[in-house]
Amino acid sequence: MKQIFKVSTDSLRSCPYCRNVDVGGICFEKGINHMLSEHNYQIEHIGTETIEGDLGLFHTTVAILSVED
């Protein structure tokens, strides 16, 4: 079974395996690299996403990663 993990520039959160490593937000690139090198995830998709915030619509960058269980 594949595990899917979404990394986005709009939210900073911790790695689900290493709670002391931040992924997403300002750590977008670092987080993707961490998931690839430390947890053997692979990139399924990188693109933009339009979401609604307090000030209206804005664009974020997302990466969808996966790993086999």
Protein backbone atom coordinates (compact mmCIF):
# COMPACT_ATOMS: atom_id res chain seq x y z
CA MET A 1 0.00 0.00 0.00
CA LYS A 2 1.24 3.48 -0.83
CA GLN A 3 1.48 6.20 1.78
CA ILE A 4 0.78 9.66 0.34
CA PHE A 5 2.27 12.82 1.84
CA LYS A 6 1.52 16.39 0.74
CA VAL A 7 4.05 19.19 1.19
CA SER A 8 2.76 22.72 0.61
CA THR A 9 4.18 26.23 0.74
CA ASP A 10 1.07 27.38 2.63
CA SER A 11 1.63 25.27 5.77
CA LEU A 12 4.61 24.45 7.92
CA ARG A 13 4.38 21.15 9.78
CA SER A 14 6.64 18.47 11.20
CA CYS A 15 7.83 15.36 9.42
CA PRO A 16 5.52 12.49 10.45
CA TYR A 17 8.59 10.36 11.28
CA CYS A 18 11.07 12.93 12.65
CA ARG A 19 9.06 15.39 14.73
CA ASN A 20 12.00 17.79 14.94
CA VAL A 21 12.23 18.31 11.14
CA ASP A 22 9.98 20.94 9.54
CA VAL A 23 8.48 20.42 6.08
CA GLY A 24 6.40 22.78 3.98
CA GLY A 25 5.98 26.51 4.36
CA ILE A 26 9.36 28.25 4.35
CA CYS A 27 10.98 24.79 4.49
CA PHE A 28 9.29 23.54 1.30
CA GLU A 29 12.43 22.49 -0.59
CA LYS A 30 14.21 21.26 2.54
CA GLY A 31 11.16 19.21 3.50
CA ILE A 32 10.89 17.55 0.09
CA ASN A 33 14.59 16.70 0.12
CA HIS A 34 14.25 15.29 3.64
CA MET A 35 11.34 13.03 2.68
CA LEU A 36 13.19 11.80 -0.44
CA SER A 37 16.57 11.14 1.15
CA GLU A 38 15.61 10.08 4.68
CA HIS A 39 12.34 8.20 4.12
CA ASN A 40 12.61 6.96 0.51
CA TYR A 41 9.54 8.82 -0.73
CA GLN A 42 9.25 9.53 -4.44
CA ILE A 43 7.72 12.53 -6.18
CA GLU A 44 4.33 11.90 -7.76
CA HIS A 45 3.46 15.49 -8.65
CA ILE A 46 4.68 19.07 -8.16
CA GLY A 47 2.44 21.95 -9.14
CA THR A 48 0.33 24.85 -8.00
CA GLU A 49 -2.87 24.91 -6.02
CA THR A 50 -5.33 27.75 -5.55
CA ILE A 51 -6.71 28.01 -2.04
CA GLU A 52 -8.93 30.47 -0.26
CA GLY A 53 -7.53 32.44 2.64
CA ASP A 54 -8.67 35.35 4.78
CA LEU A 55 -7.72 37.81 2.04
CA GLY A 56 -9.19 35.85 -0.87
CA LEU A 57 -7.70 33.37 -3.29
CA PHE A 58 -3.97 32.77 -3.50
CA HIS A 59 -1.62 30.28 -5.15
CA THR A 60 0.60 27.82 -3.35
CA THR A 61 3.08 25.24 -4.56
CA VAL A 62 2.44 21.63 -3.59
CA ALA A 63 4.39 18.40 -3.89
CA ILE A 64 2.67 15.04 -3.63
CA LEU A 65 5.04 12.31 -2.47
CA SER A 66 4.52 8.59 -1.98
CA VAL A 67 6.23 5.56 -0.46
CA GLU A 68 5.35 1.88 -0.40
CA ASP A 69 4.59 0.40 3.01
